[in-house]
Amino acid sequence: MWTALMVLAAPAEAEARTIRTGGFGAEVRKSGPPRPSVPDTDGLTSLSHLPSRRPRESAPTRPPDPAASDPADSDSDSADSDSADREFAERGVVAEGTTARDWLLRHGVTVSASGGYLRLFADAICSRELTLRRVWHTAREVERRGRAGGAVISLLVEGSLTLRDDAGAEREVATGGGFVLWSDSSVAAISRGRCGTVEVAVSREILERFFAWADAGATVIPQGLTTARILLAAATTALTGPLAPRDPAWDSICSMIASGISALLAEVGPALLPSAPVTAVRLLRRAHVAIERHCRDASFDVRSLAKELSVSMTTLYAAFEHSPCTPAQAIRSARVGLARRMLDHRVSPTAADREAVAELAGFLSAPAMSKALRADRRRRGG
């Protein structure tokens, strides 16, 4: 869709290139997608307020807070340090090259490889409790940092992403899915072209109202979750309108979006019994993150999970008593979900396809994968 918008914008951009100022022939560039006439609740079309013209390398709209000029604000190692300390709204940000890199850096994203001339379009509403961003950029690889004590939920609305952790393990993120980055963890995100995301970053205070904080890592959000679409619609609508953190409605908006985050994380994470104590909940959340990270390894089993979490087998099984599944079932369920998503991309998978998918999903063989898939369908009543 972004490609089509760029094609439609090409005549206007060509016209802008013919405009010369003074006797120096300075180029004035008109770039970016057109402004939508209705709220973009799917997050798939343009950003909300496109400036009519912006010279190349000119700075994006600066936050109105006077602290924006304080260099100390940009020295923090944690993501969202800029937005966590100040409250502001930025809309219609259009930037290129170094200016685009600087904007992304202030918002917790370091460009590792631009893959050509970097371009950026963005909207953002930032406060201490909650930050909303809608970002489109052309960088080929970036490093995304989390928010200390909180979480960053990144929903992919255009393009594809591959996440790579410090150990070199890679996980695919499909359009319509996303990922959750816990606390101040970091992850490399690799795209094969233009990439558009809507991000919701929450503080520890908000996260702990409804969710036991997981200590590290990233969790992939599967494609097509209803709760993800609801959160995406709410965040995009807030970004499209004139809302700002100092508005009287902001606290209510934060509560509404926090409820959307709670629903999404409940769907992404493991099911928990209402009576589960906090210690068990936290261990189960950590176990879920570890399983999602290592389930592709066929040798990863319950004993490996306990070792990864630095707990005894007894402690691990005691925590899973508050979950409707055992540790082994949780590992198998993660592998089944991964295999199903990969098979869904193949219209008529061949025997070779099934063997490849089984290996990538952590099964010992294609027959073992098929057996697990059949058992899962019976359990679901399919």
Protein backbone atom coordinates (compact mmCIF):
# COMPACT_ATOMS: atom_id res chain seq x y z
CA MET A 1 0.00 0.00 0.00
CA TRP A 2 2.83 2.40 0.82
CA THR A 3 4.32 1.62 -2.61
CA ALA A 4 1.08 2.59 -4.31
CA LEU A 5 0.93 5.81 -2.30
CA MET A 6 4.49 6.67 -3.32
CA VAL A 7 3.61 6.12 -6.98
CA LEU A 8 0.61 8.43 -6.66
CA ALA A 9 2.78 11.05 -4.96
CA ALA A 10 5.49 10.91 -7.65
CA PRO A 11 4.05 13.64 -9.95
CA ALA A 12 3.78 16.07 -7.04
CA GLU A 13 7.32 15.26 -5.96
CA ALA A 14 8.62 15.80 -9.47
CA GLU A 15 6.90 19.17 -9.55
CA ALA A 16 8.49 20.09 -6.23
CA ARG A 17 11.94 19.33 -7.60
CA THR A 18 11.48 22.01 -10.25
CA ILE A 19 11.05 24.72 -7.65
CA ARG A 20 14.26 26.69 -7.19
CA THR A 21 14.97 29.27 -4.52
CA GLY A 22 17.18 32.30 -4.99
CA GLY A 23 20.08 31.93 -7.42
CA PHE A 24 21.51 28.80 -5.80
CA GLY A 25 19.11 26.21 -7.18
CA ALA A 26 18.34 24.75 -3.74
CA GLU A 27 15.94 21.83 -4.05
CA VAL A 28 12.67 21.84 -2.17
CA ARG A 29 11.34 18.32 -1.65
CA LYS A 30 7.75 17.37 -1.21
CA SER A 31 7.56 13.82 0.05
CA GLY A 32 5.39 11.39 1.94
CA PRO A 33 1.96 9.87 1.56
CA PRO A 34 -1.24 11.93 1.32
CA ARG A 35 -3.25 12.86 4.38
CA PRO A 36 -6.24 10.57 5.02
CA SER A 37 -9.69 12.12 5.14
CA VAL A 38 -10.91 9.70 7.84
CA PRO A 39 -9.22 8.23 10.91
CA ASP A 40 -6.90 5.40 9.91
CA THR A 41 -8.04 2.73 12.36
CA ASP A 42 -6.09 -0.03 10.64
CA GLY A 43 -2.79 1.85 10.80
CA LEU A 44 -2.15 0.95 7.17
CA THR A 45 -2.41 4.25 5.34
CA SER A 46 -0.64 7.54 5.74
CA LEU A 47 0.48 9.45 8.78
CA SER A 48 -1.91 12.05 10.06
CA HIS A 49 -0.55 15.52 9.28
CA LEU A 50 1.79 15.80 6.33
CA PRO A 51 3.64 19.12 6.02
CA SER A 52 3.14 20.70 2.61
CA ARG A 53 6.85 21.11 1.89
CA ARG A 54 10.04 20.38 3.77
CA PRO A 55 13.61 20.93 2.58
CA ARG A 56 15.90 17.92 2.63
CA GLU A 57 17.62 17.34 5.99
CA SER A 58 15.41 19.88 7.73
CA ALA A 59 14.54 18.95 11.29
CA PRO A 60 11.20 17.38 12.19
CA THR A 61 8.78 19.15 14.48
CA ARG A 62 10.38 19.56 17.88
CA PRO A 63 8.48 18.90 21.10
CA PRO A 64 7.15 22.08 22.71
CA ASP A 65 8.75 21.30 26.08
CA PRO A 66 11.76 23.57 26.80
CA ALA A 67 13.69 20.56 28.05
CA ALA A 68 13.90 19.37 24.45
CA SER A 69 17.10 21.36 24.03
CA ASP A 70 18.75 19.85 27.09
CA PRO A 71 21.50 17.49 25.87
CA ALA A 72 21.31 15.48 29.07
CA ASP A 73 17.93 14.13 27.99
CA SER A 74 19.49 12.18 25.13
CA ASP A 75 22.30 10.56 27.11
CA SER A 76 20.25 7.85 28.82
CA ASP A 77 20.96 4.27 27.82
CA SER A 78 17.35 3.17 28.19
CA ALA A 79 14.80 3.46 25.42
CA ASP A 80 12.06 6.04 25.68
CA SER A 81 14.29 8.12 27.99
CA ASP A 82 13.28 11.21 26.05
CA SER A 83 9.56 10.51 26.22
CA ALA A 84 9.65 9.13 29.77
CA ASP A 85 10.91 12.47 31.13
CA ARG A 86 8.72 14.84 29.13
CA GLU A 87 5.21 15.11 27.75
CA PHE A 88 4.68 16.20 24.16
CA ALA A 89 3.05 15.33 20.86
CA GLU A 90 4.80 15.23 17.48
CA ARG A 91 2.74 14.86 14.33
CA GLY A 92 3.64 14.92 10.68
CA VAL A 93 7.34 14.27 11.27
CA VAL A 94 9.07 13.97 7.89
CA ALA A 95 12.83 13.45 7.96
CA GLU A 96 15.68 12.01 5.92
CA GLY A 97 19.28 10.95 6.43
CA THR A 98 20.95 12.07 9.66
CA THR A 99 17.84 13.88 10.86
CA ALA A 100 15.82 10.68 10.58
CA ARG A 101 18.52 8.73 12.43
CA ASP A 102 18.52 11.28 15.25
CA TRP A 103 14.72 11.17 15.60
CA LEU A 104 14.71 7.37 15.78
CA LEU A 105 17.56 7.40 18.31
CA ARG A 106 15.61 9.73 20.60
CA HIS A 107 12.76 7.22 20.47
CA GLY A 108 14.80 4.13 21.35
CA VAL A 109 15.74 2.95 17.85
CA THR A 110 19.33 2.81 16.57
CA VAL A 111 19.79 2.43 12.81
CA SER A 112 22.39 -0.31 12.20
CA ALA A 113 22.07 -0.42 8.39
CA SER A 114 20.07 2.09 6.37
CA GLY A 115 20.09 0.06 3.13
CA GLY A 116 20.20 3.29 1.12
CA TYR A 117 19.06 6.83 1.82
CA LEU A 118 17.05 6.78 5.05
CA ARG A 119 13.54 8.26 5.02
CA LEU A 120 11.12 8.58 7.91
CA PHE A 121 7.49 9.55 8.50
CA ALA A 122 6.17 9.52 12.07
CA ASP A 123 3.62 10.63 14.64
CA ALA A 124 4.14 10.36 18.41
CA ILE A 125 2.39 11.16 21.68
CA CYS A 126 4.71 10.80 24.66
CA SER A 127 4.07 10.88 28.40
CA ARG A 128 5.59 9.36 31.51
CA GLU A 129 3.04 6.56 31.68
CA LEU A 130 2.29 5.85 28.04
CA THR A 131 3.86 6.56 24.66
CA LEU A 132 2.19 6.03 21.28
CA ARG A 133 4.12 6.07 18.01
CA ARG A 134 3.33 5.47 14.36
CA VAL A 135 6.56 5.11 12.39
CA TRP A 136 7.36 4.35 8.77
CA HIS A 137 11.01 4.14 7.72
CA THR A 138 13.27 2.63 5.07
CA ALA A 139 16.09 1.36 7.31
CA ARG A 140 17.15 -2.22 6.55
CA GLU A 141 18.22 -3.05 10.11
CA VAL A 142 17.62 -1.31 13.44
CA GLU A 143 18.19 -2.10 17.10
CA ARG A 144 15.07 -1.54 19.20
CA ARG A 145 15.51 -0.95 22.91
CA GLY A 146 12.78 -1.49 25.46
CA ARG A 147 11.55 0.67 28.31
CA ALA A 148 13.16 0.02 31.69
CA GLY A 149 10.71 -1.79 33.95
CA GLY A 150 7.92 -1.57 31.39
CA ALA A 151 7.26 -2.93 27.92
CA VAL A 152 7.12 -1.83 24.28
CA ILE A 153 4.43 -3.42 22.11
CA SER A 154 5.30 -3.04 18.42
CA LEU A 155 2.57 -3.91 15.87
CA LEU A 156 3.71 -4.42 12.27
CA VAL A 157 1.32 -2.83 9.75
CA GLU A 158 3.52 -2.91 6.65
CA GLY A 159 6.45 -5.02 5.53
CA SER A 160 8.07 -7.95 7.30
CA LEU A 161 10.55 -8.18 10.16
CA THR A 162 13.05 -10.71 11.40
CA LEU A 163 14.04 -10.39 15.06
CA ARG A 164 17.56 -11.43 16.03
CA ASP A 165 18.60 -11.68 19.68
CA ASP A 166 22.07 -11.49 21.23
CA ALA A 167 22.56 -15.24 20.76
CA GLY A 168 21.91 -14.94 17.01
CA ALA A 169 18.54 -16.74 17.10
CA GLU A 170 16.09 -15.35 14.53
CA ARG A 171 12.28 -15.16 14.63
CA GLU A 172 9.91 -13.96 11.93
CA VAL A 173 7.27 -11.28 12.51
CA ALA A 174 4.45 -11.19 9.96
CA THR A 175 2.34 -8.20 8.92
CA GLY A 176 -0.62 -8.11 11.28
CA GLY A 177 1.54 -9.46 14.10
CA GLY A 178 4.25 -7.83 16.16
CA PHE A 179 6.37 -8.30 19.24
CA VAL A 180 6.59 -7.33 22.90
CA LEU A 181 9.95 -6.09 24.15
CA TRP A 182 10.26 -6.46 27.90
CA SER A 183 11.96 -3.91 30.15
CA ASP A 184 15.27 -2.52 28.83
CA SER A 185 16.07 -5.51 26.61
CA SER A 186 17.15 -4.87 23.04
CA VAL A 187 16.57 -6.76 19.82
CA ALA A 188 17.77 -6.35 16.24
CA ALA A 189 14.91 -5.94 13.74
CA ILE A 190 15.75 -6.67 10.09
CA SER A 191 13.40 -5.69 7.27
CA ARG A 192 13.53 -6.43 3.57
CA GLY A 193 12.18 -3.05 2.53
CA ARG A 194 9.93 -0.34 3.88
CA CYS A 195 8.63 -0.98 7.38
CA GLY A 196 5.62 0.52 9.15
CA THR A 197 4.82 -0.03 12.82
CA VAL A 198 2.50 1.29 15.51
CA GLU A 199 4.09 1.17 18.96
CA VAL A 200 2.66 1.38 22.45
CA ALA A 201 5.20 1.77 25.27
CA VAL A 202 4.02 1.54 28.87
CA SER A 203 5.76 2.27 32.15
CA ARG A 204 6.27 -0.26 34.91
CA GLU A 205 3.52 1.44 36.93
CA ILE A 206 0.93 0.71 34.22
CA LEU A 207 2.28 -2.75 33.38
CA GLU A 208 2.13 -3.98 36.96
CA ARG A 209 -1.52 -2.99 37.31
CA PHE A 210 -2.57 -5.96 35.23
CA PHE A 211 0.50 -7.98 34.31
CA ALA A 212 3.41 -9.52 36.21
CA TRP A 213 6.53 -8.03 34.69
CA ALA A 214 8.69 -10.44 32.66
CA ASP A 215 12.33 -9.62 33.19
CA ALA A 216 13.88 -9.73 29.71
CA GLY A 217 13.64 -10.69 26.07
CA ALA A 218 11.09 -10.33 23.30
CA THR A 219 7.84 -12.21 22.68
CA VAL A 220 6.46 -12.50 19.15
CA ILE A 221 2.78 -11.58 18.69
CA PRO A 222 1.18 -13.97 16.18
CA GLN A 223 -0.55 -12.62 13.09
CA GLY A 224 -4.28 -11.95 13.18
CA LEU A 225 -5.05 -11.66 16.92
CA THR A 226 -8.31 -9.78 17.53
CA THR A 227 -6.86 -8.07 20.60
CA ALA A 228 -3.93 -6.79 18.51
CA ARG A 229 -6.33 -5.23 15.98
CA ILE A 230 -8.32 -3.58 18.77
CA LEU A 231 -5.18 -2.10 20.33
CA LEU A 232 -3.95 -1.00 16.90
CA ALA A 233 -7.24 0.78 16.15
CA ALA A 234 -7.26 2.58 19.51
CA ALA A 235 -3.63 3.72 19.26
CA THR A 236 -3.95 4.82 15.63
CA THR A 237 -7.12 6.80 16.28
CA ALA A 238 -5.42 8.62 19.18
CA LEU A 239 -2.43 9.44 16.96
CA THR A 240 -4.63 10.67 14.11
CA GLY A 241 -6.56 13.20 16.19
CA PRO A 242 -5.33 16.34 18.00
CA LEU A 243 -4.93 14.59 21.37
CA ALA A 244 -2.03 15.69 23.63
CA PRO A 245 -0.86 14.44 27.06
CA ARG A 246 -2.02 17.61 28.83
CA ASP A 247 -5.60 17.24 27.56
CA PRO A 248 -8.24 16.43 30.21
CA ALA A 249 -9.12 13.22 28.34
CA TRP A 250 -5.55 11.86 28.35
CA ASP A 251 -5.87 9.89 31.61
CA SER A 252 -9.01 8.19 30.34
CA ILE A 253 -7.31 7.42 27.02
CA CYS A 254 -4.39 5.88 28.93
CA SER A 255 -6.77 3.68 30.91
CA MET A 256 -8.56 2.57 27.74
CA ILE A 257 -5.32 1.68 25.94
CA ALA A 258 -3.98 -0.02 29.08
CA SER A 259 -7.04 -2.28 29.00
CA GLY A 260 -6.25 -3.10 25.37
CA ILE A 261 -2.68 -3.99 26.34
CA SER A 262 -3.97 -6.18 29.16
CA ALA A 263 -6.23 -8.09 26.73
CA LEU A 264 -3.43 -8.53 24.18
CA LEU A 265 -0.87 -9.76 26.72
CA ALA A 266 -3.43 -12.16 28.21
CA GLU A 267 -3.96 -13.65 24.74
CA VAL A 268 -0.25 -13.74 23.89
CA GLY A 269 0.85 -15.14 27.25
CA PRO A 270 -0.05 -18.43 28.90
CA ALA A 271 -3.47 -18.94 30.44
CA LEU A 272 -3.38 -18.57 34.23
CA LEU A 273 -5.77 -19.62 36.96
CA PRO A 274 -7.24 -16.65 38.91
CA SER A 275 -5.82 -17.94 42.21
CA ALA A 276 -2.21 -18.04 40.96
CA PRO A 277 0.17 -16.31 43.42
CA VAL A 278 2.42 -13.54 42.17
CA THR A 279 5.58 -15.67 42.40
CA ALA A 280 4.02 -18.38 40.22
CA VAL A 281 2.68 -15.83 37.74
CA ARG A 282 6.11 -14.26 37.29
CA LEU A 283 7.79 -17.62 36.83
CA LEU A 284 5.16 -18.70 34.30
CA ARG A 285 5.61 -15.48 32.33
CA ARG A 286 9.37 -16.01 32.28
CA ALA A 287 8.84 -19.62 31.25
CA HIS A 288 6.60 -18.53 28.39
CA VAL A 289 9.26 -16.11 27.11
CA ALA A 290 11.95 -18.81 27.35
CA ILE A 291 9.78 -21.39 25.56
CA GLU A 292 8.98 -18.97 22.76
CA ARG A 293 12.70 -18.22 22.39
CA HIS A 294 13.99 -21.82 22.42
CA CYS A 295 11.16 -24.01 21.10
CA ARG A 296 12.81 -24.26 17.66
CA ASP A 297 15.57 -26.33 19.23
CA ALA A 298 14.43 -29.97 19.14
CA SER A 299 16.61 -30.76 22.16
CA PHE A 300 14.87 -28.14 24.32
CA ASP A 301 12.77 -29.95 26.93
CA VAL A 302 11.39 -29.44 30.43
CA ARG A 303 14.78 -29.97 32.06
CA SER A 304 16.30 -27.41 29.67
CA LEU A 305 13.52 -24.98 30.61
CA ALA A 306 14.22 -25.35 34.33
CA LYS A 307 17.93 -24.78 33.70
CA GLU A 308 17.19 -21.69 31.59
CA LEU A 309 15.07 -20.25 34.41
CA SER A 310 17.59 -21.27 37.12
CA VAL A 311 14.93 -23.11 39.13
CA SER A 312 14.48 -26.70 40.21
CA MET A 313 12.14 -29.08 38.42
CA THR A 314 9.98 -29.12 41.56
CA THR A 315 9.63 -25.33 41.54
CA LEU A 316 8.83 -25.32 37.82
CA TYR A 317 6.10 -27.95 38.11
CA ALA A 318 4.67 -26.19 41.18
CA ALA A 319 4.28 -22.99 39.17
CA PHE A 320 2.63 -24.86 36.27
CA GLU A 321 0.02 -26.21 38.70
CA HIS A 322 -1.54 -22.76 38.31
CA SER A 323 -1.66 -23.17 34.52
CA PRO A 324 -4.02 -25.42 32.54
CA CYS A 325 -1.05 -27.18 30.91
CA THR A 326 2.18 -28.89 31.95
CA PRO A 327 5.64 -27.59 30.98
CA ALA A 328 5.91 -30.27 28.27
CA GLN A 329 2.50 -29.33 26.87
CA ALA A 330 3.48 -25.65 26.82
CA ILE A 331 6.62 -26.45 24.80
CA ARG A 332 4.67 -28.66 22.39
CA SER A 333 1.95 -26.00 22.00
CA ALA A 334 4.55 -23.38 21.07
CA ARG A 335 5.99 -25.70 18.42
CA VAL A 336 2.54 -26.51 17.05
CA GLY A 337 1.68 -22.81 16.74
CA LEU A 338 4.96 -22.09 14.98
CA ALA A 339 4.50 -25.01 12.56
CA ARG A 340 0.92 -24.02 11.76
CA ARG A 341 1.92 -20.45 10.94
CA MET A 342 4.67 -21.63 8.58
CA LEU A 343 2.40 -24.18 6.89
CA ASP A 344 -0.29 -21.54 6.39
CA HIS A 345 2.08 -19.75 4.01
CA ARG A 346 2.15 -22.82 1.73
CA VAL A 347 -0.93 -23.55 -0.40
CA SER A 348 -0.07 -27.23 -0.95
CA PRO A 349 2.93 -28.18 1.20
CA THR A 350 5.01 -31.00 -0.22
CA ALA A 351 6.69 -33.73 1.80
CA ALA A 352 9.92 -31.74 1.59
CA ASP A 353 8.10 -28.64 2.85
CA ARG A 354 6.75 -30.54 5.83
CA GLU A 355 10.17 -31.92 6.67
CA ALA A 356 11.66 -28.42 6.54
CA VAL A 357 8.86 -26.93 8.65
CA ALA A 358 9.17 -29.72 11.22
CA GLU A 359 12.88 -29.01 11.62
CA LEU A 360 12.37 -25.24 11.86
CA ALA A 361 9.57 -25.67 14.42
CA GLY A 362 11.61 -27.92 16.71
CA PHE A 363 10.03 -31.30 15.93
CA LEU A 364 12.20 -34.39 15.56
CA SER A 365 10.43 -35.39 12.33
CA ALA A 366 7.55 -34.53 10.00
CA PRO A 367 5.43 -37.45 11.32
CA ALA A 368 5.92 -36.17 14.88
CA MET A 369 4.78 -32.72 13.74
CA SER A 370 1.73 -34.14 11.95
CA LYS A 371 0.76 -36.11 15.05
CA ALA A 372 1.02 -32.99 17.22
CA LEU A 373 -1.03 -30.95 14.74
CA ARG A 374 -3.79 -33.60 14.65
CA ALA A 375 -3.88 -33.75 18.45
CA ASP A 376 -4.16 -29.98 18.62
CA ARG A 377 -7.06 -29.96 16.12
CA ARG A 378 -8.91 -32.60 18.15
CA ARG A 379 -8.35 -30.60 21.32
CA ARG A 380 -9.78 -27.51 19.65
CA GLY A 381 -12.69 -29.51 18.25
CA GLY A 382 -11.61 -28.92 14.63
